[in-house]
C-alpha atoms as a PDB file:
ATOM      1  CA  MET A   1     -18.490 -51.688 -32.158  1.00  0.00           C
ATOM      2  CA  ILE A   2     -19.848 -48.282 -31.247  1.00  0.00           C
ATOM      3  CA  ARG A   3     -20.821 -45.834 -34.001  1.00  0.00           C
ATOM      4  CA  PHE A   4     -21.788 -42.182 -33.561  1.00  0.00           C
ATOM      5  CA  ARG A   5     -22.035 -39.155 -35.822  1.00  0.00           C
ATOM      6  CA  ILE A   6     -20.753 -35.628 -35.067  1.00  0.00           C
ATOM      7  CA  SER A   7     -21.099 -32.804 -37.610  1.00  0.00           C
ATOM      8  CA  GLY A   8     -21.466 -35.162 -40.573  1.00  0.00           C
ATOM      9  CA  TYR A   9     -18.518 -37.406 -39.612  1.00  0.00           C
ATOM     10  CA  VAL A  10     -19.003 -41.012 -38.545  1.00  0.00           C
ATOM     11  CA  PHE A  11     -16.753 -42.302 -35.767  1.00  0.00           C
ATOM     12  CA  ARG A  12     -16.266 -45.989 -34.912  1.00  0.00           C
ATOM     13  CA  ILE A  13     -14.855 -47.336 -31.648  1.00  0.00           C
ATOM     14  CA  SER A  14     -13.986 -51.015 -31.987  1.00  0.00           C
ATOM     15  CA  GLU A  15     -12.246 -51.508 -28.625  1.00  0.00           C
ATOM     16  CA  PRO A  16     -14.244 -51.674 -25.436  1.00  0.00           C
ATOM     17  CA  VAL A  17     -14.352 -48.470 -23.439  1.00  0.00           C
ATOM     18  CA  VAL A  18     -13.716 -48.821 -19.734  1.00  0.00           C
ATOM     19  CA  LEU A  19     -15.164 -46.168 -17.491  1.00  0.00           C
ATOM     20  CA  GLU A  20     -13.379 -45.944 -14.152  1.00  0.00           C
ATOM     21  CA  ARG A  21     -15.069 -44.664 -11.052  1.00  0.00           C
ATOM     22  CA  VAL A  22     -13.446 -41.508  -9.799  1.00  0.00           C
ATOM     23  CA  GLU A  23     -13.472 -41.181  -6.039  1.00  0.00           C
ATOM     24  CA  ILE A  24     -14.220 -37.797  -4.562  1.00  0.00           C
ATOM     25  CA  LEU A  25     -12.034 -37.324  -1.531  1.00  0.00           C
ATOM     26  CA  SER A  26     -13.474 -35.793   1.591  1.00  0.00           C
ATOM     27  CA  LEU A  27     -12.041 -32.596   3.009  1.00  0.00           C
ATOM     28  CA  ILE A  28     -10.110 -34.508   5.661  1.00  0.00           C
ATOM     29  CA  GLU A  29      -8.687 -36.889   3.059  1.00  0.00           C
ATOM     30  CA  GLN A  30      -7.702 -33.986   0.817  1.00  0.00           C
ATOM     31  CA  PHE A  31      -5.998 -32.254   3.729  1.00  0.00           C
ATOM     32  CA  GLN A  32      -4.096 -35.427   4.575  1.00  0.00           C
ATOM     33  CA  PHE A  33      -3.147 -35.994   0.932  1.00  0.00           C
ATOM     34  CA  ASN A  34      -1.873 -32.442   0.450  1.00  0.00           C
ATOM     35  CA  PHE A  35      -0.113 -31.815   3.745  1.00  0.00           C
ATOM     36  CA  LEU A  36       0.333 -34.916   5.901  1.00  0.00           C
ATOM     37  CA  ASP A  37       1.430 -37.433   3.292  1.00  0.00           C
ATOM     38  CA  ASP A  38       5.218 -37.312   2.793  1.00  0.00           C
ATOM     39  CA  ASN A  39       5.343 -34.496   5.383  1.00  0.00           C
ATOM     40  CA  ARG A  40       4.482 -31.882   2.775  1.00  0.00           C
ATOM     41  CA  TRP A  41       3.442 -29.505   5.565  1.00  0.00           C
ATOM     42  CA  GLN A  42       7.164 -28.853   6.041  1.00  0.00           C
ATOM     43  CA  PHE A  43       7.172 -26.834   2.809  1.00  0.00           C
ATOM     44  CA  ILE A  44       4.577 -24.508   4.330  1.00  0.00           C
ATOM     45  CA  LEU A  45       6.428 -24.258   7.639  1.00  0.00           C
ATOM     46  CA  SER A  46       9.786 -23.599   6.006  1.00  0.00           C
ATOM     47  CA  GLY A  47       8.272 -21.013   3.679  1.00  0.00           C
ATOM     48  CA  LEU A  48       6.467 -19.287   6.543  1.00  0.00           C
ATOM     49  CA  LYS A  49       9.707 -19.037   8.538  1.00  0.00           C
ATOM     50  CA  ASN A  50      11.550 -17.454   5.618  1.00  0.00           C
ATOM     51  CA  THR A  51       8.673 -15.074   4.932  1.00  0.00           C
ATOM     52  CA  ILE A  52       8.689 -13.838   8.532  1.00  0.00           C
ATOM     53  CA  ILE A  53      12.488 -13.461   8.552  1.00  0.00           C
ATOM     54  CA  ILE A  54      12.502 -11.508   5.290  1.00  0.00           C
ATOM     55  CA  THR A  55       9.634  -9.266   6.360  1.00  0.00           C
ATOM     56  CA  PHE A  56      11.092  -8.516   9.799  1.00  0.00           C
ATOM     57  CA  PHE A  57      14.575  -7.533   8.652  1.00  0.00           C
ATOM     58  CA  ALA A  58      13.312  -5.783   5.512  1.00  0.00           C
ATOM     59  CA  VAL A  59      11.075  -3.642   7.727  1.00  0.00           C
ATOM     60  CA  LEU A  60      14.030  -2.701   9.938  1.00  0.00           C
ATOM     61  CA  LEU A  61      16.155  -1.821   6.911  1.00  0.00           C
ATOM     62  CA  GLY A  62      13.300   0.078   5.293  1.00  0.00           C
ATOM     63  CA  ILE A  63      12.571   2.101   8.432  1.00  0.00           C
ATOM     64  CA  PHE A  64      16.247   2.983   8.913  1.00  0.00           C
ATOM     65  CA  LEU A  65      16.832   4.068   5.313  1.00  0.00           C
ATOM     66  CA  GLY A  66      13.411   5.684   5.123  1.00  0.00           C
ATOM     67  CA  PHE A  67      14.009   7.842   8.193  1.00  0.00           C
ATOM     68  CA  VAL A  68      17.407   8.959   6.852  1.00  0.00           C
ATOM     69  CA  ILE A  69      15.869   9.939   3.508  1.00  0.00           C
ATOM     70  CA  ALA A  70      12.928  11.632   5.233  1.00  0.00           C
ATOM     71  CA  ILE A  71      15.254  13.707   7.422  1.00  0.00           C
ATOM     72  CA  VAL A  72      17.227  14.837   4.377  1.00  0.00           C
ATOM     73  CA  ARG A  73      14.069  15.695   2.420  1.00  0.00           C
ATOM     74  CA  SER A  74      12.286  17.470   5.279  1.00  0.00           C
ATOM     75  CA  THR A  75      15.422  19.411   6.226  1.00  0.00           C
ATOM     76  CA  HIS A  76      15.700  20.644   2.655  1.00  0.00           C
ATOM     77  CA  ASP A  77      12.003  21.538   2.535  1.00  0.00           C
ATOM     78  CA  LYS A  78      12.197  23.532   5.779  1.00  0.00           C
ATOM     79  CA  THR A  79      15.642  25.155   5.497  1.00  0.00           C
ATOM     80  CA  GLY A  80      16.785  24.739   1.884  1.00  0.00           C
ATOM     81  CA  LYS A  81      19.965  22.949   2.988  1.00  0.00           C
ATOM     82  CA  LEU A  82      21.347  19.562   1.816  1.00  0.00           C
ATOM     83  CA  LYS A  83      20.533  20.278  -1.832  1.00  0.00           C
ATOM     84  CA  ILE A  84      22.794  17.604  -3.316  1.00  0.00           C
ATOM     85  CA  LEU A  85      21.614  14.923  -0.903  1.00  0.00           C
ATOM     86  CA  ASN A  86      18.022  15.954  -1.572  1.00  0.00           C
ATOM     87  CA  VAL A  87      18.522  15.493  -5.330  1.00  0.00           C
ATOM     88  CA  ILE A  88      20.020  12.026  -4.753  1.00  0.00           C
ATOM     89  CA  CYS A  89      17.103  11.086  -2.501  1.00  0.00           C
ATOM     90  CA  ARG A  90      14.546  12.315  -5.023  1.00  0.00           C
ATOM     91  CA  VAL A  91      16.153  10.282  -7.806  1.00  0.00           C
ATOM     92  CA  TYR A  92      16.164   7.223  -5.530  1.00  0.00           C
ATOM     93  CA  LEU A  93      12.486   7.682  -4.665  1.00  0.00           C
ATOM     94  CA  THR A  94      11.532   8.188  -8.303  1.00  0.00           C
ATOM     95  CA  VAL A  95      13.332   5.049  -9.479  1.00  0.00           C
ATOM     96  CA  ILE A  96      12.163   2.781  -6.657  1.00  0.00           C
ATOM     97  CA  ARG A  97       8.550   3.943  -6.666  1.00  0.00           C
ATOM     98  CA  GLY A  98       8.359   3.951 -10.456  1.00  0.00           C
ATOM     99  CA  THR A  99       9.534   0.382 -11.102  1.00  0.00           C
ATOM    100  CA  PRO A 100       7.939  -2.962 -10.132  1.00  0.00           C
ATOM    101  CA  THR A 101       9.161  -4.647  -6.978  1.00  0.00           C
ATOM    102  CA  MET A 102       9.727  -7.909  -8.837  1.00  0.00           C
ATOM    103  CA  VAL A 103      12.049  -6.203 -11.336  1.00  0.00           C
ATOM    104  CA  GLN A 104      14.010  -4.666  -8.460  1.00  0.00           C
ATOM    105  CA  LEU A 105      14.340  -8.078  -6.815  1.00  0.00           C
ATOM    106  CA  LEU A 106      15.625  -9.628 -10.045  1.00  0.00           C
ATOM    107  CA  ILE A 107      18.110  -6.794 -10.594  1.00  0.00           C
ATOM    108  CA  VAL A 108      19.483  -7.141  -7.074  1.00  0.00           C
ATOM    109  CA  PHE A 109      19.797 -10.914  -7.442  1.00  0.00           C
ATOM    110  CA  TYR A 110      20.999 -11.299 -11.034  1.00  0.00           C
ATOM    111  CA  VAL A 111      22.940  -8.022 -11.467  1.00  0.00           C
ATOM    112  CA  ILE A 112      24.139  -6.519  -8.193  1.00  0.00           C
ATOM    113  CA  PHE A 113      24.934  -9.864  -6.571  1.00  0.00           C
ATOM    114  CA  ALA A 114      25.768 -11.713  -9.792  1.00  0.00           C
ATOM    115  CA  THR A 115      29.321 -12.466  -8.673  1.00  0.00           C
ATOM    116  CA  ILE A 116      28.687 -12.566  -4.926  1.00  0.00           C
ATOM    117  CA  ASP A 117      26.432 -15.024  -3.134  1.00  0.00           C
ATOM    118  CA  PRO A 118      25.372 -13.591   0.234  1.00  0.00           C
ATOM    119  CA  GLY A 119      22.394 -15.955   0.331  1.00  0.00           C
ATOM    120  CA  LYS A 120      18.957 -15.629  -1.202  1.00  0.00           C
ATOM    121  CA  ILE A 121      17.374 -14.523   2.071  1.00  0.00           C
ATOM    122  CA  VAL A 122      19.896 -11.688   2.408  1.00  0.00           C
ATOM    123  CA  VAL A 123      19.262 -10.661  -1.207  1.00  0.00           C
ATOM    124  CA  ALA A 124      15.507 -10.613  -0.585  1.00  0.00           C
ATOM    125  CA  ILE A 125      15.938  -8.579   2.611  1.00  0.00           C
ATOM    126  CA  ILE A 126      18.051  -5.982   0.795  1.00  0.00           C
ATOM    127  CA  ALA A 127      15.705  -5.767  -2.189  1.00  0.00           C
ATOM    128  CA  PHE A 128      12.496  -5.489  -0.155  1.00  0.00           C
ATOM    129  CA  GLY A 129      14.155  -3.195   2.403  1.00  0.00           C
ATOM    130  CA  MET A 130      15.292  -0.781  -0.298  1.00  0.00           C
ATOM    131  CA  ASN A 131      11.831  -0.841  -1.826  1.00  0.00           C
ATOM    132  CA  SER A 132      10.112  -0.250   1.493  1.00  0.00           C
ATOM    133  CA  ALA A 133      12.506   2.591   2.367  1.00  0.00           C
ATOM    134  CA  ALA A 134      11.167   4.711  -0.500  1.00  0.00           C
ATOM    135  CA  TYR A 135       7.599   4.496   0.814  1.00  0.00           C
ATOM    136  CA  VAL A 136       8.584   4.850   4.463  1.00  0.00           C
ATOM    137  CA  ALA A 137      10.564   7.985   3.591  1.00  0.00           C
ATOM    138  CA  GLU A 138       7.539   9.690   2.067  1.00  0.00           C
ATOM    139  CA  ILE A 139       5.311   8.555   4.918  1.00  0.00           C
ATOM    140  CA  VAL A 140       7.684   9.994   7.525  1.00  0.00           C
ATOM    141  CA  ARG A 141       8.298  13.183   5.561  1.00  0.00           C
ATOM    142  CA  SER A 142       4.586  13.800   5.125  1.00  0.00           C
ATOM    143  CA  GLY A 143       4.078  13.234   8.854  1.00  0.00           C
ATOM    144  CA  ILE A 144       6.795  15.729   9.737  1.00  0.00           C
ATOM    145  CA  MET A 145       5.595  18.317   7.242  1.00  0.00           C
ATOM    146  CA  SER A 146       1.996  17.965   8.420  1.00  0.00           C
ATOM    147  CA  ILE A 147       2.868  19.544  11.767  1.00  0.00           C
ATOM    148  CA  ASP A 148       2.156  23.253  11.774  1.00  0.00           C
ATOM    149  CA  GLN A 149       5.181  25.489  12.238  1.00  0.00           C
ATOM    150  CA  GLY A 150       3.479  27.238  15.145  1.00  0.00           C
ATOM    151  CA  GLN A 151       3.026  23.925  16.961  1.00  0.00           C
ATOM    152  CA  THR A 152       6.672  23.069  16.358  1.00  0.00           C
ATOM    153  CA  GLU A 153       7.854  26.401  17.785  1.00  0.00           C
ATOM    154  CA  ALA A 154       5.520  26.100  20.775  1.00  0.00           C
ATOM    155  CA  GLY A 155       6.788  22.610  21.515  1.00  0.00           C
ATOM    156  CA  ARG A 156      10.409  23.692  21.275  1.00  0.00           C
ATOM    157  CA  SER A 157       9.755  26.567  23.640  1.00  0.00           C
ATOM    158  CA  LEU A 158       8.620  23.955  26.169  1.00  0.00           C
ATOM    159  CA  GLY A 159      11.698  21.819  25.562  1.00  0.00           C
ATOM    160  CA  LEU A 160       9.831  19.306  23.348  1.00  0.00           C
ATOM    161  CA  ASN A 161      10.204  18.289  19.723  1.00  0.00           C
ATOM    162  CA  PHE A 162       7.840  17.214  16.936  1.00  0.00           C
ATOM    163  CA  SER A 163       8.427  13.476  17.389  1.00  0.00           C
ATOM    164  CA  PRO A 164       5.247  12.571  19.361  1.00  0.00           C
ATOM    165  CA  GLN A 165       2.900  14.335  16.948  1.00  0.00           C
ATOM    166  CA  ALA A 166       4.778  13.073  13.899  1.00  0.00           C
ATOM    167  CA  VAL A 167       4.664   9.477  15.161  1.00  0.00           C
ATOM    168  CA  LYS A 168       0.932   9.778  15.755  1.00  0.00           C
ATOM    169  CA  ASN A 169       0.445  10.948  12.167  1.00  0.00           C
ATOM    170  CA  ILE A 170       2.628   8.367  10.457  1.00  0.00           C
ATOM    171  CA  LEU A 171       1.858   5.279  12.549  1.00  0.00           C
ATOM    172  CA  PRO A 172      -1.241   4.101  10.603  1.00  0.00           C
ATOM    173  CA  ALA A 173       0.563   4.472   7.269  1.00  0.00           C
ATOM    174  CA  LEU A 174       3.627   2.655   8.602  1.00  0.00           C
ATOM    175  CA  GLY A 175       1.425  -0.197   9.742  1.00  0.00           C
ATOM    176  CA  ASN A 176      -0.116  -0.394   6.293  1.00  0.00           C
ATOM    177  CA  GLU A 177       3.361  -0.425   4.709  1.00  0.00           C
ATOM    178  CA  LEU A 178       4.314  -3.357   6.935  1.00  0.00           C
ATOM    179  CA  ILE A 179       1.280  -5.295   5.722  1.00  0.00           C
ATOM    180  CA  VAL A 180       1.999  -4.471   2.076  1.00  0.00           C
ATOM    181  CA  LEU A 181       5.619  -5.550   2.492  1.00  0.00           C
ATOM    182  CA  LEU A 182       4.559  -8.868   4.014  1.00  0.00           C
ATOM    183  CA  LYS A 183       2.396  -9.637   0.989  1.00  0.00           C
ATOM    184  CA  GLU A 184       5.028  -8.450  -1.490  1.00  0.00           C
ATOM    185  CA  THR A 185       7.459 -11.084  -0.229  1.00  0.00           C
ATOM    186  CA  SER A 186       5.296 -13.634  -2.052  1.00  0.00           C
ATOM    187  CA  ILE A 187       7.336 -12.940  -5.203  1.00  0.00           C
ATOM    188  CA  SER A 188      10.529 -14.267  -3.574  1.00  0.00           C
ATOM    189  CA  GLY A 189      10.045 -17.533  -5.447  1.00  0.00           C
ATOM    190  CA  TYR A 190      11.242 -15.816  -8.642  1.00  0.00           C
ATOM    191  CA  ILE A 191      14.817 -16.066  -7.323  1.00  0.00           C
ATOM    192  CA  GLY A 192      14.303 -19.653  -6.176  1.00  0.00           C
ATOM    193  CA  LEU A 193      13.740 -18.746  -2.533  1.00  0.00           C
ATOM    194  CA  MET A 194      11.452 -20.898  -0.430  1.00  0.00           C
ATOM    195  CA  ASP A 195       8.836 -18.500   0.885  1.00  0.00           C
ATOM    196  CA  LEU A 196       5.268 -19.217   1.964  1.00  0.00           C
ATOM    197  CA  THR A 197       3.794 -18.900  -1.515  1.00  0.00           C
ATOM    198  CA  ARG A 198       6.579 -20.991  -3.021  1.00  0.00           C
ATOM    199  CA  GLY A 199       5.946 -23.714  -0.429  1.00  0.00           C
ATOM    200  CA  GLY A 200       2.310 -23.945  -1.455  1.00  0.00           C
ATOM    201  CA  ASP A 201       3.300 -24.030  -5.118  1.00  0.00           C
ATOM    202  CA  ILE A 202       5.671 -26.951  -4.509  1.00  0.00           C
ATOM    203  CA  ILE A 203       2.879 -28.900  -2.852  1.00  0.00           C
ATOM    204  CA  ARG A 204       0.600 -28.140  -5.791  1.00  0.00           C
ATOM    205  CA  SER A 205       3.224 -29.421  -8.230  1.00  0.00           C
ATOM    206  CA  GLN A 206       3.465 -32.718  -6.332  1.00  0.00           C
ATOM    207  CA  THR A 207      -0.216 -33.377  -5.662  1.00  0.00           C
ATOM    208  CA  TYR A 208      -1.667 -31.710  -8.792  1.00  0.00           C
ATOM    209  CA  SER A 209      -4.218 -30.149  -6.476  1.00  0.00           C
ATOM    210  CA  ALA A 210      -4.223 -26.361  -6.465  1.00  0.00           C
ATOM    211  CA  LEU A 211      -7.216 -25.643  -4.253  1.00  0.00           C
ATOM    212  CA  PHE A 212      -6.047 -26.761  -0.825  1.00  0.00           C
ATOM    213  CA  PRO A 213      -2.419 -25.514  -0.959  1.00  0.00           C
ATOM    214  CA  LEU A 214      -3.444 -22.093  -2.225  1.00  0.00           C
ATOM    215  CA  LEU A 215      -6.292 -21.761   0.253  1.00  0.00           C
ATOM    216  CA  VAL A 216      -3.997 -22.628   3.155  1.00  0.00           C
ATOM    217  CA  VAL A 217      -1.365 -20.145   1.981  1.00  0.00           C
ATOM    218  CA  ALA A 218      -3.993 -17.430   1.602  1.00  0.00           C
ATOM    219  CA  ALA A 219      -5.425 -18.255   5.037  1.00  0.00           C
ATOM    220  CA  ILE A 220      -1.994 -17.965   6.681  1.00  0.00           C
ATOM    221  CA  TYR A 221      -1.384 -14.580   5.056  1.00  0.00           C
ATOM    222  CA  LEU A 222      -4.836 -13.451   6.168  1.00  0.00           C
ATOM    223  CA  VAL A 223      -4.242 -14.492   9.787  1.00  0.00           C
ATOM    224  CA  ILE A 224      -0.892 -12.700   9.908  1.00  0.00           C
ATOM    225  CA  VAL A 225      -2.353  -9.542   8.354  1.00  0.00           C
ATOM    226  CA  CYS A 226      -5.265  -9.536  10.803  1.00  0.00           C
ATOM    227  CA  PHE A 227      -2.849  -9.972  13.708  1.00  0.00           C
ATOM    228  CA  LEU A 228      -0.654  -7.100  12.499  1.00  0.00           C
ATOM    229  CA  THR A 229      -3.714  -4.914  11.979  1.00  0.00           C
ATOM    230  CA  TYR A 230      -4.792  -5.659  15.547  1.00  0.00           C
ATOM    231  CA  LEU A 231      -1.338  -4.772  16.914  1.00  0.00           C
ATOM    232  CA  VAL A 232      -1.204  -1.500  14.971  1.00  0.00           C
ATOM    233  CA  GLY A 233      -4.677  -0.594  16.199  1.00  0.00           C
ATOM    234  CA  ARG A 234      -3.658  -1.233  19.800  1.00  0.00           C
ATOM    235  CA  LEU A 235      -0.505   0.815  19.332  1.00  0.00           C
ATOM    236  CA  GLU A 236      -2.485   3.716  17.902  1.00  0.00           C
ATOM    237  CA  ARG A 237      -4.756   3.756  20.952  1.00  0.00           C
END
């Protein structure tokens, strides 16, 4: 029998205590346990594929809607026309930019598409595309408005337009928006969609090891972001 005292209380342990040796797995063994055993790496691969698909099409949708909104807003700022459309665009920008992306995703999934099931990937593309459009619109509008009126008139007299200078001004910000959108897709798991972050979380729930799955997910995001940053830098030059 083992007796010990803690804070005035006496505790007795009559049964033998067995201490088991806990093995510390090596890095290679941990990698194999988390990803190779039971082919758990497929969760990461499947999530990465969905993340890229969502980001790509959401960017296209965001750029299209953003350019339309930017044209309406800049036309109103320069000429005073399209007042009603400008009011609608301003309300849209205020709502989208003033509410969390996750709340917008949940509203699109549970409210707008409550009775229709176009697929979770389509829902995510629409939600993230609409969110991105609000930021793209302001980026494009600021790029257009940053061009001096004298430069615009001089270019038009030569048969040119403001597109080259506007693109040069907005390209870095558009590249940054693409990177932000890629990382924002990590909340897709809230609607039960298998994205990259969700894939790592599933592995963690099966292996009860959070370090390796999360580090690998973070590393993949980092590599993609660095690659996109490199491409944007090359395009700027």
